[in-house]
N, C-alpha and C. Protein backbone atom coordinates (compact mmCIF):
# COMPACT_ATOMS: atom_id res chain seq x y z
N MET A 1 -12.92 17.50 -11.79
CA MET A 1 -11.52 17.18 -12.10
C MET A 1 -11.24 15.74 -11.66
N ASP A 2 -10.56 14.98 -12.53
CA ASP A 2 -10.21 13.61 -12.20
C ASP A 2 -9.12 13.59 -11.14
N ARG A 3 -9.30 12.69 -10.18
CA ARG A 3 -8.33 12.58 -9.10
C ARG A 3 -7.35 11.46 -9.43
N PRO A 4 -6.10 11.61 -8.97
CA PRO A 4 -5.12 10.55 -9.20
C PRO A 4 -5.64 9.20 -8.72
N GLY A 5 -5.51 8.20 -9.56
CA GLY A 5 -5.97 6.86 -9.20
C GLY A 5 -7.40 6.60 -9.58
N GLU A 6 -8.17 7.64 -9.96
CA GLU A 6 -9.58 7.45 -10.30
C GLU A 6 -9.69 6.83 -11.68
N ALA A 7 -10.64 5.88 -11.83
CA ALA A 7 -10.85 5.22 -13.13
C ALA A 7 -11.60 6.16 -14.05
N VAL A 8 -11.08 6.37 -15.26
CA VAL A 8 -11.71 7.21 -16.26
C VAL A 8 -11.61 6.53 -17.62
N ILE A 9 -12.42 7.01 -18.57
CA ILE A 9 -12.36 6.50 -19.94
C ILE A 9 -11.36 7.34 -20.72
N ASP A 10 -10.36 6.70 -21.25
CA ASP A 10 -9.37 7.39 -22.08
C ASP A 10 -9.87 7.34 -23.52
N PRO A 11 -10.30 8.49 -24.10
CA PRO A 11 -10.86 8.49 -25.45
C PRO A 11 -9.85 8.09 -26.51
N ARG A 12 -8.56 8.18 -26.25
CA ARG A 12 -7.56 7.84 -27.25
C ARG A 12 -7.44 6.35 -27.47
N ILE A 13 -7.72 5.56 -26.42
CA ILE A 13 -7.60 4.11 -26.57
C ILE A 13 -8.94 3.41 -26.35
N GLY A 14 -9.97 4.18 -25.96
CA GLY A 14 -11.32 3.63 -25.85
C GLY A 14 -11.51 2.64 -24.74
N ARG A 15 -10.78 2.77 -23.64
CA ARG A 15 -11.01 1.88 -22.52
C ARG A 15 -10.64 2.57 -21.22
N THR A 16 -11.01 1.93 -20.12
CA THR A 16 -10.77 2.52 -18.80
C THR A 16 -9.31 2.49 -18.45
N THR A 17 -8.85 3.59 -17.88
CA THR A 17 -7.47 3.65 -17.39
C THR A 17 -7.47 4.47 -16.10
N ARG A 18 -6.34 4.74 -15.56
CA ARG A 18 -6.22 5.49 -14.31
C ARG A 18 -5.57 6.83 -14.57
N CYS A 19 -6.02 7.85 -13.85
CA CYS A 19 -5.41 9.16 -13.98
C CYS A 19 -3.96 9.08 -13.51
N MET A 20 -3.09 9.80 -14.22
CA MET A 20 -1.68 9.76 -13.89
C MET A 20 -1.41 10.57 -12.62
N SER A 21 -0.70 9.99 -11.74
CA SER A 21 -0.26 10.70 -10.54
C SER A 21 1.16 11.19 -10.76
N LYS A 22 1.42 12.41 -10.35
CA LYS A 22 2.76 12.96 -10.52
C LYS A 22 3.77 12.18 -9.71
N ASP A 23 3.31 11.57 -8.62
CA ASP A 23 4.24 10.91 -7.72
C ASP A 23 4.29 9.40 -7.92
N ARG A 24 3.26 8.85 -8.59
CA ARG A 24 3.19 7.40 -8.69
C ARG A 24 2.89 7.01 -10.14
N ILE A 25 3.93 7.08 -11.00
CA ILE A 25 3.74 6.70 -12.40
C ILE A 25 3.52 5.20 -12.54
N GLU A 26 3.95 4.45 -11.48
CA GLU A 26 3.73 3.01 -11.55
C GLU A 26 2.25 2.65 -11.48
N ASP A 27 1.40 3.61 -11.06
CA ASP A 27 -0.03 3.35 -11.01
C ASP A 27 -0.68 3.47 -12.38
N VAL A 28 0.04 4.03 -13.35
CA VAL A 28 -0.53 4.23 -14.68
C VAL A 28 -0.56 2.91 -15.42
N ASP A 29 -1.60 2.74 -16.24
CA ASP A 29 -1.72 1.54 -17.06
C ASP A 29 -0.42 1.35 -17.86
N PRO A 30 0.16 0.13 -17.90
CA PRO A 30 1.43 -0.08 -18.60
C PRO A 30 1.40 0.37 -20.05
N HIS A 31 0.25 0.17 -20.73
CA HIS A 31 0.14 0.58 -22.13
C HIS A 31 0.30 2.09 -22.25
N ASN A 32 -0.37 2.83 -21.36
CA ASN A 32 -0.26 4.29 -21.38
C ASN A 32 1.14 4.76 -21.01
N ARG A 33 1.74 4.05 -20.03
CA ARG A 33 3.07 4.44 -19.58
C ARG A 33 4.09 4.31 -20.73
N ARG A 34 3.98 3.22 -21.48
CA ARG A 34 4.91 3.00 -22.59
C ARG A 34 4.71 4.07 -23.66
N ARG A 35 3.46 4.38 -23.96
CA ARG A 35 3.19 5.40 -24.97
C ARG A 35 3.68 6.77 -24.50
N PHE A 36 3.52 7.04 -23.20
CA PHE A 36 3.96 8.31 -22.64
C PHE A 36 5.46 8.50 -22.85
N PHE A 37 6.23 7.44 -22.56
CA PHE A 37 7.68 7.54 -22.71
C PHE A 37 8.08 7.63 -24.18
N LEU A 38 7.40 6.87 -25.06
CA LEU A 38 7.74 6.89 -26.48
C LEU A 38 7.45 8.26 -27.10
N GLU A 39 6.31 8.84 -26.70
CA GLU A 39 5.97 10.17 -27.23
C GLU A 39 6.99 11.21 -26.75
N GLY A 40 7.38 11.10 -25.50
CA GLY A 40 8.38 12.02 -24.97
C GLY A 40 9.72 11.86 -25.66
N LEU A 41 10.10 10.59 -25.91
CA LEU A 41 11.36 10.33 -26.59
C LEU A 41 11.33 10.87 -28.01
N GLY A 42 10.16 10.69 -28.68
CA GLY A 42 10.02 11.19 -30.04
C GLY A 42 10.16 12.70 -30.10
N ARG A 43 9.57 13.40 -29.13
CA ARG A 43 9.67 14.87 -29.11
C ARG A 43 11.12 15.31 -28.85
N ALA A 44 11.82 14.56 -28.02
CA ALA A 44 13.20 14.92 -27.67
C ALA A 44 14.14 14.69 -28.85
N LEU A 45 13.88 13.63 -29.64
CA LEU A 45 14.78 13.29 -30.72
C LEU A 45 14.47 14.02 -32.02
N ARG A 46 13.29 14.61 -32.14
CA ARG A 46 12.90 15.26 -33.39
C ARG A 46 13.88 16.35 -33.82
N PRO A 47 14.30 17.24 -32.91
CA PRO A 47 15.28 18.27 -33.33
C PRO A 47 16.59 17.67 -33.83
N VAL A 48 17.01 16.57 -33.20
CA VAL A 48 18.24 15.91 -33.63
C VAL A 48 18.08 15.35 -35.03
N ALA A 49 16.94 14.70 -35.28
CA ALA A 49 16.67 14.13 -36.60
C ALA A 49 16.60 15.21 -37.66
N ASP A 50 15.95 16.33 -37.33
CA ASP A 50 15.86 17.44 -38.29
C ASP A 50 17.24 18.00 -38.60
N TYR A 51 18.08 18.11 -37.58
CA TYR A 51 19.43 18.63 -37.77
C TYR A 51 20.24 17.71 -38.69
N LEU A 52 20.17 16.41 -38.42
CA LEU A 52 20.92 15.46 -39.22
C LEU A 52 20.43 15.43 -40.66
N GLU A 53 19.12 15.57 -40.84
CA GLU A 53 18.56 15.58 -42.19
C GLU A 53 19.07 16.76 -42.99
N GLU A 54 19.24 17.90 -42.33
CA GLU A 54 19.75 19.09 -43.00
C GLU A 54 21.23 18.95 -43.33
N LYS A 55 21.97 18.27 -42.47
CA LYS A 55 23.42 18.19 -42.64
C LYS A 55 23.85 17.07 -43.57
N LEU A 56 23.05 16.00 -43.67
CA LEU A 56 23.45 14.87 -44.49
C LEU A 56 23.43 15.27 -45.96
N PRO A 57 24.47 14.93 -46.73
CA PRO A 57 24.50 15.30 -48.14
C PRO A 57 23.49 14.49 -48.96
N GLU A 58 23.04 15.08 -50.06
CA GLU A 58 22.14 14.36 -50.96
C GLU A 58 22.90 13.21 -51.62
N PRO A 59 22.24 12.08 -51.85
CA PRO A 59 22.91 10.97 -52.54
C PRO A 59 23.42 11.42 -53.91
N ARG A 60 24.61 10.98 -54.26
CA ARG A 60 25.18 11.36 -55.55
C ARG A 60 24.45 10.64 -56.68
N GLN A 61 24.05 11.39 -57.69
CA GLN A 61 23.27 10.85 -58.79
C GLN A 61 24.19 10.42 -59.93
N ARG A 62 23.85 9.30 -60.55
CA ARG A 62 24.63 8.79 -61.68
C ARG A 62 24.41 9.69 -62.89
N THR A 63 25.48 10.09 -63.53
CA THR A 63 25.39 10.99 -64.68
C THR A 63 25.92 10.35 -65.96
N VAL A 64 26.58 9.20 -65.84
CA VAL A 64 27.08 8.47 -67.01
C VAL A 64 26.72 7.00 -66.85
N LEU A 65 26.77 6.27 -67.95
CA LEU A 65 26.50 4.83 -67.90
C LEU A 65 27.71 4.10 -67.35
N ARG A 66 27.49 3.30 -66.32
CA ARG A 66 28.57 2.56 -65.69
C ARG A 66 28.65 1.13 -66.26
N PRO A 67 29.79 0.46 -66.10
CA PRO A 67 29.92 -0.92 -66.57
C PRO A 67 28.94 -1.85 -65.84
N PRO A 68 28.74 -3.03 -66.37
CA PRO A 68 27.86 -4.01 -65.71
C PRO A 68 28.29 -4.29 -64.28
N GLY A 69 27.31 -4.48 -63.42
CA GLY A 69 27.60 -4.83 -62.03
C GLY A 69 27.98 -3.68 -61.14
N ALA A 70 27.86 -2.42 -61.63
CA ALA A 70 28.25 -1.27 -60.83
C ALA A 70 27.33 -1.10 -59.62
N LEU A 71 27.91 -0.79 -58.48
CA LEU A 71 27.13 -0.49 -57.28
C LEU A 71 26.35 0.80 -57.49
N ASP A 72 25.44 1.11 -56.57
CA ASP A 72 24.78 2.42 -56.60
C ASP A 72 25.84 3.51 -56.59
N GLU A 73 25.55 4.64 -57.20
CA GLU A 73 26.58 5.64 -57.47
C GLU A 73 27.37 6.06 -56.25
N ASP A 74 26.71 6.27 -55.12
CA ASP A 74 27.43 6.65 -53.91
C ASP A 74 28.49 5.62 -53.55
N LEU A 75 28.08 4.37 -53.50
CA LEU A 75 29.01 3.29 -53.15
C LEU A 75 30.05 3.09 -54.24
N PHE A 76 29.62 3.22 -55.49
CA PHE A 76 30.54 3.03 -56.60
C PHE A 76 31.70 4.03 -56.53
N LEU A 77 31.36 5.30 -56.34
CA LEU A 77 32.40 6.33 -56.28
C LEU A 77 33.32 6.15 -55.08
N ASP A 78 32.77 5.65 -53.99
CA ASP A 78 33.58 5.42 -52.79
C ASP A 78 34.51 4.22 -52.95
N HIS A 79 34.06 3.21 -53.71
CA HIS A 79 34.84 1.98 -53.82
C HIS A 79 35.81 1.97 -55.00
N CYS A 80 35.46 2.63 -56.07
CA CYS A 80 36.26 2.55 -57.30
C CYS A 80 37.67 3.11 -57.10
N HIS A 81 38.67 2.35 -57.50
CA HIS A 81 40.07 2.76 -57.37
C HIS A 81 40.54 3.59 -58.56
N ARG A 82 39.72 3.72 -59.60
CA ARG A 82 40.13 4.42 -60.84
C ARG A 82 41.38 3.75 -61.42
N CYS A 83 41.48 2.45 -61.25
CA CYS A 83 42.70 1.73 -61.64
C CYS A 83 42.73 1.33 -63.10
N GLY A 84 41.56 1.27 -63.74
CA GLY A 84 41.50 0.90 -65.14
C GLY A 84 41.50 -0.59 -65.41
N SER A 85 41.36 -1.41 -64.38
CA SER A 85 41.37 -2.87 -64.59
C SER A 85 40.20 -3.31 -65.46
N CYS A 86 39.04 -2.73 -65.25
CA CYS A 86 37.87 -3.09 -66.05
C CYS A 86 38.04 -2.64 -67.50
N VAL A 87 38.70 -1.49 -67.68
CA VAL A 87 38.96 -0.98 -69.03
C VAL A 87 39.83 -1.96 -69.79
N GLU A 88 40.88 -2.43 -69.16
CA GLU A 88 41.81 -3.37 -69.79
C GLU A 88 41.16 -4.72 -70.05
N ALA A 89 40.23 -5.12 -69.19
CA ALA A 89 39.62 -6.45 -69.30
C ALA A 89 38.53 -6.52 -70.37
N CYS A 90 37.93 -5.38 -70.71
CA CYS A 90 36.79 -5.39 -71.62
C CYS A 90 37.21 -5.81 -73.03
N PRO A 91 36.69 -6.93 -73.54
CA PRO A 91 37.11 -7.42 -74.87
C PRO A 91 36.57 -6.57 -76.01
N ALA A 92 35.54 -5.77 -75.74
CA ALA A 92 34.93 -4.95 -76.79
C ALA A 92 35.46 -3.53 -76.81
N GLY A 93 36.29 -3.20 -75.83
CA GLY A 93 36.79 -1.83 -75.75
C GLY A 93 35.68 -0.84 -75.44
N ALA A 94 34.64 -1.32 -74.75
CA ALA A 94 33.48 -0.47 -74.48
C ALA A 94 33.65 0.41 -73.26
N ILE A 95 34.53 0.02 -72.36
CA ILE A 95 34.69 0.77 -71.11
C ILE A 95 35.87 1.74 -71.24
N ARG A 96 35.62 2.97 -70.89
CA ARG A 96 36.65 4.00 -70.96
C ARG A 96 36.69 4.76 -69.64
N GLN A 97 37.82 5.34 -69.35
CA GLN A 97 37.94 6.15 -68.13
C GLN A 97 37.45 7.56 -68.42
N TYR A 98 36.55 8.00 -67.58
CA TYR A 98 35.87 9.28 -67.79
C TYR A 98 36.82 10.45 -67.58
N GLN A 99 36.83 11.35 -68.53
CA GLN A 99 37.65 12.55 -68.43
C GLN A 99 36.79 13.71 -67.95
N SER A 100 37.10 14.24 -66.80
CA SER A 100 36.27 15.29 -66.22
C SER A 100 37.12 16.18 -65.31
N GLU A 101 36.70 17.43 -65.19
CA GLU A 101 37.35 18.34 -64.25
C GLU A 101 36.91 18.06 -62.82
N ASP A 102 35.83 17.29 -62.70
CA ASP A 102 35.34 16.88 -61.38
C ASP A 102 36.25 15.76 -60.87
N GLY A 103 37.02 16.04 -59.84
CA GLY A 103 37.97 15.07 -59.33
C GLY A 103 37.33 13.77 -58.88
N GLU A 104 36.11 13.85 -58.43
CA GLU A 104 35.42 12.65 -57.96
C GLU A 104 35.04 11.73 -59.12
N GLN A 105 34.72 12.32 -60.27
CA GLN A 105 34.31 11.54 -61.43
C GLN A 105 35.48 11.16 -62.33
N SER A 106 36.51 11.97 -62.34
CA SER A 106 37.62 11.76 -63.27
C SER A 106 38.28 10.40 -63.05
N GLY A 107 38.47 9.68 -64.15
CA GLY A 107 39.13 8.38 -64.08
C GLY A 107 38.19 7.22 -63.83
N THR A 108 36.93 7.49 -63.52
CA THR A 108 35.99 6.40 -63.27
C THR A 108 35.55 5.79 -64.60
N PRO A 109 35.25 4.50 -64.62
CA PRO A 109 34.87 3.84 -65.87
C PRO A 109 33.44 4.17 -66.29
N HIS A 110 33.25 4.32 -67.59
CA HIS A 110 31.91 4.56 -68.11
C HIS A 110 31.81 3.98 -69.50
N ILE A 111 30.59 3.94 -70.03
CA ILE A 111 30.34 3.39 -71.36
C ILE A 111 29.62 4.45 -72.19
N ASP A 112 30.10 4.67 -73.39
CA ASP A 112 29.44 5.55 -74.36
C ASP A 112 29.02 4.69 -75.54
N PRO A 113 27.74 4.32 -75.64
CA PRO A 113 27.31 3.40 -76.70
C PRO A 113 27.59 3.91 -78.11
N ASP A 114 27.64 5.22 -78.30
CA ASP A 114 27.94 5.74 -79.63
C ASP A 114 29.35 5.34 -80.06
N VAL A 115 30.26 5.23 -79.10
CA VAL A 115 31.64 4.84 -79.40
C VAL A 115 31.77 3.33 -79.46
N ALA A 116 31.32 2.65 -78.41
CA ALA A 116 31.39 1.19 -78.35
C ALA A 116 30.44 0.70 -77.26
N PRO A 117 29.50 -0.16 -77.60
CA PRO A 117 28.55 -0.66 -76.60
C PRO A 117 29.10 -1.87 -75.85
N CYS A 118 28.50 -2.15 -74.72
CA CYS A 118 28.79 -3.40 -74.01
C CYS A 118 28.21 -4.55 -74.83
N VAL A 119 28.98 -5.64 -74.99
CA VAL A 119 28.50 -6.77 -75.79
C VAL A 119 28.05 -7.93 -74.91
N LEU A 120 28.02 -7.71 -73.59
CA LEU A 120 27.60 -8.77 -72.66
C LEU A 120 28.42 -10.03 -72.90
N CYS A 121 29.74 -9.87 -72.85
CA CYS A 121 30.64 -10.98 -73.15
C CYS A 121 30.40 -12.17 -72.23
N ASP A 122 30.71 -13.35 -72.72
CA ASP A 122 30.47 -14.58 -71.96
C ASP A 122 31.24 -14.57 -70.64
N ALA A 123 32.41 -13.96 -70.63
CA ALA A 123 33.25 -13.98 -69.42
C ALA A 123 32.82 -12.96 -68.39
N LEU A 124 31.95 -12.00 -68.80
CA LEU A 124 31.60 -10.89 -67.91
C LEU A 124 32.89 -10.34 -67.29
N ALA A 125 33.84 -10.06 -68.17
CA ALA A 125 35.23 -9.81 -67.79
C ALA A 125 35.42 -8.63 -66.85
N CYS A 126 34.70 -7.54 -67.08
CA CYS A 126 34.93 -6.34 -66.26
C CYS A 126 34.59 -6.58 -64.80
N MET A 127 33.49 -7.30 -64.57
CA MET A 127 33.08 -7.57 -63.19
C MET A 127 34.11 -8.42 -62.46
N ASN A 128 34.63 -9.40 -63.16
CA ASN A 128 35.60 -10.29 -62.53
C ASN A 128 36.97 -9.62 -62.35
N ALA A 129 37.24 -8.59 -63.14
CA ALA A 129 38.54 -7.93 -63.06
C ALA A 129 38.60 -6.85 -61.99
N CYS A 130 37.46 -6.37 -61.52
CA CYS A 130 37.45 -5.27 -60.56
C CYS A 130 38.02 -5.70 -59.21
N PRO A 131 39.08 -5.04 -58.74
CA PRO A 131 39.70 -5.45 -57.47
C PRO A 131 39.08 -4.80 -56.23
N SER A 132 38.22 -3.80 -56.44
CA SER A 132 37.75 -3.01 -55.30
C SER A 132 36.34 -3.34 -54.85
N GLY A 133 35.59 -4.06 -55.67
CA GLY A 133 34.19 -4.33 -55.34
C GLY A 133 33.24 -3.26 -55.84
N ALA A 134 33.75 -2.28 -56.61
CA ALA A 134 32.87 -1.28 -57.21
C ALA A 134 31.98 -1.91 -58.27
N LEU A 135 32.52 -2.96 -58.91
CA LEU A 135 31.73 -3.80 -59.82
C LEU A 135 31.61 -5.17 -59.17
N VAL A 136 30.40 -5.66 -59.07
CA VAL A 136 30.19 -6.98 -58.49
C VAL A 136 29.62 -7.92 -59.55
N VAL A 137 29.92 -9.17 -59.43
CA VAL A 137 29.47 -10.16 -60.40
C VAL A 137 27.97 -10.40 -60.21
N VAL A 138 27.22 -10.20 -61.28
CA VAL A 138 25.78 -10.46 -61.26
C VAL A 138 25.43 -11.32 -62.47
N GLU A 139 24.26 -11.93 -62.43
CA GLU A 139 23.78 -12.69 -63.57
C GLU A 139 23.54 -11.75 -64.75
N ARG A 140 23.67 -12.27 -65.95
CA ARG A 140 23.49 -11.45 -67.14
C ARG A 140 22.11 -10.78 -67.14
N SER A 141 21.10 -11.49 -66.68
CA SER A 141 19.74 -10.95 -66.66
C SER A 141 19.57 -9.84 -65.62
N ASP A 142 20.51 -9.75 -64.67
CA ASP A 142 20.42 -8.74 -63.61
C ASP A 142 21.26 -7.50 -63.91
N ILE A 143 21.93 -7.49 -65.03
CA ILE A 143 22.71 -6.31 -65.42
C ILE A 143 21.76 -5.14 -65.67
N ALA A 144 22.11 -3.97 -65.17
CA ALA A 144 21.24 -2.80 -65.32
C ALA A 144 22.10 -1.57 -65.60
N ILE A 145 22.72 -1.55 -66.78
CA ILE A 145 23.54 -0.41 -67.17
C ILE A 145 22.66 0.82 -67.37
N GLY A 146 21.53 0.60 -68.02
CA GLY A 146 20.59 1.69 -68.30
C GLY A 146 19.33 1.12 -68.91
N LEU A 147 18.59 1.96 -69.59
CA LEU A 147 17.34 1.53 -70.22
C LEU A 147 17.18 2.28 -71.54
N ALA A 148 16.95 1.55 -72.61
CA ALA A 148 16.80 2.16 -73.93
C ALA A 148 15.45 2.86 -74.05
N GLU A 149 15.45 3.98 -74.74
CA GLU A 149 14.22 4.73 -75.00
C GLU A 149 14.15 5.05 -76.49
N VAL A 150 12.98 4.81 -77.07
CA VAL A 150 12.77 5.01 -78.50
C VAL A 150 12.15 6.38 -78.74
N TYR A 151 12.63 7.05 -79.81
CA TYR A 151 12.07 8.33 -80.21
C TYR A 151 11.42 8.16 -81.59
N PRO A 152 10.10 7.88 -81.61
CA PRO A 152 9.41 7.56 -82.86
C PRO A 152 9.49 8.65 -83.92
N ASN A 153 9.61 9.91 -83.48
CA ASN A 153 9.67 10.99 -84.46
C ASN A 153 10.97 10.98 -85.27
N VAL A 154 11.94 10.18 -84.81
CA VAL A 154 13.22 10.05 -85.53
C VAL A 154 13.35 8.67 -86.18
N CYS A 155 12.68 7.69 -85.61
CA CYS A 155 12.81 6.29 -86.04
C CYS A 155 12.39 6.09 -87.50
N LEU A 156 13.26 5.45 -88.29
CA LEU A 156 12.96 5.18 -89.70
C LEU A 156 11.79 4.23 -89.84
N LEU A 157 11.76 3.23 -88.98
CA LEU A 157 10.69 2.24 -89.04
C LEU A 157 9.33 2.88 -88.78
N ALA A 158 9.30 3.79 -87.82
CA ALA A 158 8.04 4.47 -87.50
C ALA A 158 7.57 5.36 -88.65
N LYS A 159 8.52 5.76 -89.51
CA LYS A 159 8.18 6.60 -90.66
C LYS A 159 7.87 5.78 -91.91
N GLY A 160 7.84 4.45 -91.75
CA GLY A 160 7.48 3.60 -92.87
C GLY A 160 8.65 3.09 -93.68
N HIS A 161 9.88 3.36 -93.23
CA HIS A 161 11.06 2.87 -93.95
C HIS A 161 11.52 1.53 -93.38
N GLU A 162 12.23 0.77 -94.15
CA GLU A 162 12.76 -0.51 -93.67
C GLU A 162 13.96 -0.25 -92.76
N CYS A 163 13.98 -0.92 -91.62
CA CYS A 163 15.11 -0.81 -90.70
C CYS A 163 15.04 -1.95 -89.70
N GLY A 164 14.83 -1.64 -88.43
CA GLY A 164 14.76 -2.68 -87.41
C GLY A 164 16.11 -3.17 -86.94
N LEU A 165 17.19 -2.42 -87.22
CA LEU A 165 18.53 -2.84 -86.81
C LEU A 165 18.64 -2.97 -85.29
N CYS A 166 17.96 -2.11 -84.56
CA CYS A 166 18.05 -2.14 -83.09
C CYS A 166 17.60 -3.49 -82.54
N ALA A 167 16.49 -4.00 -83.06
CA ALA A 167 15.99 -5.29 -82.59
C ALA A 167 16.83 -6.44 -83.13
N GLU A 168 17.31 -6.28 -84.35
CA GLU A 168 18.11 -7.32 -84.99
C GLU A 168 19.44 -7.53 -84.28
N LYS A 169 20.08 -6.46 -83.84
CA LYS A 169 21.41 -6.54 -83.25
C LYS A 169 21.41 -6.79 -81.75
N CYS A 170 20.28 -6.62 -81.09
CA CYS A 170 20.21 -6.74 -79.62
C CYS A 170 20.68 -8.12 -79.16
N PRO A 171 21.66 -8.21 -78.25
CA PRO A 171 22.16 -9.50 -77.78
C PRO A 171 21.18 -10.24 -76.88
N ILE A 172 20.20 -9.53 -76.37
CA ILE A 172 19.18 -10.18 -75.52
C ILE A 172 18.06 -10.74 -76.39
N GLY A 173 17.68 -10.00 -77.42
CA GLY A 173 16.63 -10.45 -78.32
C GLY A 173 15.27 -9.91 -77.95
N PRO A 174 14.20 -10.60 -78.37
CA PRO A 174 12.83 -10.09 -78.18
C PRO A 174 12.40 -9.93 -76.72
N GLU A 175 13.17 -10.48 -75.79
CA GLU A 175 12.85 -10.25 -74.38
C GLU A 175 13.18 -8.82 -73.97
N ALA A 176 14.02 -8.15 -74.78
CA ALA A 176 14.44 -6.79 -74.46
C ALA A 176 13.87 -5.77 -75.44
N ILE A 177 13.83 -6.13 -76.71
CA ILE A 177 13.35 -5.19 -77.73
C ILE A 177 12.72 -5.98 -78.88
N ARG A 178 11.63 -5.46 -79.41
CA ARG A 178 10.94 -6.17 -80.48
C ARG A 178 10.23 -5.17 -81.39
N ILE A 179 9.85 -5.66 -82.57
CA ILE A 179 9.06 -4.87 -83.50
C ILE A 179 7.61 -5.35 -83.37
N THR A 180 6.71 -4.45 -83.05
CA THR A 180 5.32 -4.82 -82.84
C THR A 180 4.62 -5.10 -84.18
N ASP A 181 3.41 -5.63 -84.10
CA ASP A 181 2.62 -5.89 -85.31
C ASP A 181 2.28 -4.61 -86.05
N TYR A 182 2.39 -3.48 -85.35
CA TYR A 182 2.09 -2.18 -85.97
C TYR A 182 3.35 -1.52 -86.54
N GLY A 183 4.47 -2.27 -86.54
CA GLY A 183 5.69 -1.74 -87.10
C GLY A 183 6.39 -0.72 -86.24
N GLN A 184 6.24 -0.85 -84.94
CA GLN A 184 6.88 0.08 -84.02
C GLN A 184 7.90 -0.66 -83.16
N VAL A 185 8.96 0.05 -82.79
CA VAL A 185 9.98 -0.52 -81.90
C VAL A 185 9.50 -0.40 -80.47
N GLU A 186 9.54 -1.50 -79.76
CA GLU A 186 9.10 -1.52 -78.36
C GLU A 186 10.23 -2.06 -77.48
N VAL A 187 10.59 -1.29 -76.47
CA VAL A 187 11.60 -1.72 -75.49
C VAL A 187 10.89 -2.26 -74.27
N LEU A 188 11.31 -3.42 -73.81
CA LEU A 188 10.71 -4.06 -72.63
C LEU A 188 11.59 -3.80 -71.42
N ASP A 189 11.05 -3.07 -70.46
CA ASP A 189 11.83 -2.68 -69.28
C ASP A 189 12.47 -3.86 -68.58
N ALA A 190 11.71 -4.94 -68.44
CA ALA A 190 12.20 -6.08 -67.66
C ALA A 190 13.34 -6.81 -68.36
N GLY A 191 13.43 -6.70 -69.69
CA GLY A 191 14.45 -7.43 -70.42
C GLY A 191 15.65 -6.60 -70.82
N CYS A 192 15.45 -5.30 -71.01
CA CYS A 192 16.53 -4.43 -71.46
C CYS A 192 17.55 -4.23 -70.34
N VAL A 193 18.83 -4.44 -70.66
CA VAL A 193 19.90 -4.24 -69.66
C VAL A 193 20.67 -2.95 -69.93
N GLY A 194 20.37 -2.29 -71.03
CA GLY A 194 21.04 -1.02 -71.33
C GLY A 194 22.44 -1.18 -71.89
N CYS A 195 22.69 -2.25 -72.61
CA CYS A 195 24.04 -2.50 -73.14
C CYS A 195 24.46 -1.46 -74.17
N GLY A 196 23.48 -0.89 -74.89
CA GLY A 196 23.79 0.16 -75.85
C GLY A 196 24.00 -0.31 -77.27
N VAL A 197 23.87 -1.61 -77.52
CA VAL A 197 24.05 -2.14 -78.87
C VAL A 197 23.04 -1.53 -79.83
N CYS A 198 21.80 -1.38 -79.38
CA CYS A 198 20.75 -0.79 -80.23
C CYS A 198 21.11 0.64 -80.62
N GLN A 199 21.55 1.42 -79.66
CA GLN A 199 21.93 2.81 -79.92
C GLN A 199 23.11 2.87 -80.88
N HIS A 200 24.07 1.99 -80.68
CA HIS A 200 25.28 2.00 -81.50
C HIS A 200 24.96 1.74 -82.97
N HIS A 201 24.04 0.84 -83.24
CA HIS A 201 23.73 0.45 -84.61
C HIS A 201 22.61 1.28 -85.25
N CYS A 202 21.96 2.10 -84.47
CA CYS A 202 20.89 2.93 -85.03
C CYS A 202 21.50 3.87 -86.09
N PRO A 203 20.94 3.90 -87.32
CA PRO A 203 21.57 4.67 -88.40
C PRO A 203 21.17 6.14 -88.47
N THR A 204 20.26 6.58 -87.62
CA THR A 204 19.77 7.96 -87.73
C THR A 204 20.65 8.94 -86.95
N THR A 205 20.56 10.18 -87.34
CA THR A 205 21.22 11.28 -86.61
C THR A 205 20.19 12.39 -86.42
N PRO A 206 19.83 12.71 -85.17
CA PRO A 206 20.25 12.06 -83.92
C PRO A 206 19.70 10.64 -83.83
N LYS A 207 20.14 9.91 -82.84
CA LYS A 207 19.74 8.52 -82.67
C LYS A 207 18.25 8.41 -82.34
N ALA A 208 17.62 7.41 -82.95
CA ALA A 208 16.21 7.17 -82.68
C ALA A 208 16.00 6.31 -81.44
N ILE A 209 17.07 5.72 -80.95
CA ILE A 209 17.00 4.95 -79.70
C ILE A 209 18.26 5.24 -78.89
N VAL A 210 18.06 5.60 -77.64
CA VAL A 210 19.16 6.04 -76.78
C VAL A 210 19.04 5.35 -75.42
N VAL A 211 20.17 4.92 -74.89
CA VAL A 211 20.19 4.32 -73.56
C VAL A 211 20.36 5.41 -72.52
N ASN A 212 19.39 5.50 -71.64
CA ASN A 212 19.43 6.48 -70.53
C ASN A 212 19.75 5.78 -69.22
N ILE A 213 20.20 6.56 -68.27
CA ILE A 213 20.46 6.03 -66.92
C ILE A 213 19.14 5.64 -66.28
N ARG A 214 19.11 4.48 -65.68
CA ARG A 214 17.89 4.05 -64.99
C ARG A 214 17.68 4.91 -63.75
N SER A 215 16.44 5.33 -63.53
CA SER A 215 16.13 6.14 -62.35
C SER A 215 15.89 5.25 -61.15
């Protein structure tokens, strides 16, 4: 049996240290002493961390397309005044107040590209009109309303018909959406801001290109 103060090899750190004395912790190697306290602290706090993890609510997930510059959904819902300032400021009439039985969602601004898409106006009016900070001013290239997704089984172009309206009407251009050499519509994640113009102008029913919420 190792005696207190006796030099031994600690296999956990691969070097010589001293056996811990119950009465003289100051004799223990400082490295071991620090680890001893940290491990003890970790064991003591683990139940608290587990309890808090169980009690903390899950982050609220975005279920509708928000106007440009919207904060993450949790912060957006907390900050938004439901005042309609962004709705009034939008020159395209693209922003509408959401009608829902969910009190938390009701009255919040959203965009439905089938009705009216965001046109990425020069003034970026909605962001500048927001009085609460739920919408913040960002560069046009940093707007992330959503991300367009193409459904080739519905797309006219993919079936050999003339179309390409989605790429033609896109306000960003080939940096966001393009027609490949093989005659297919390709959405570029880095360029697409999810304005919804492509979805709005798509002539098929159901739509061959749809803007989804970014994950």
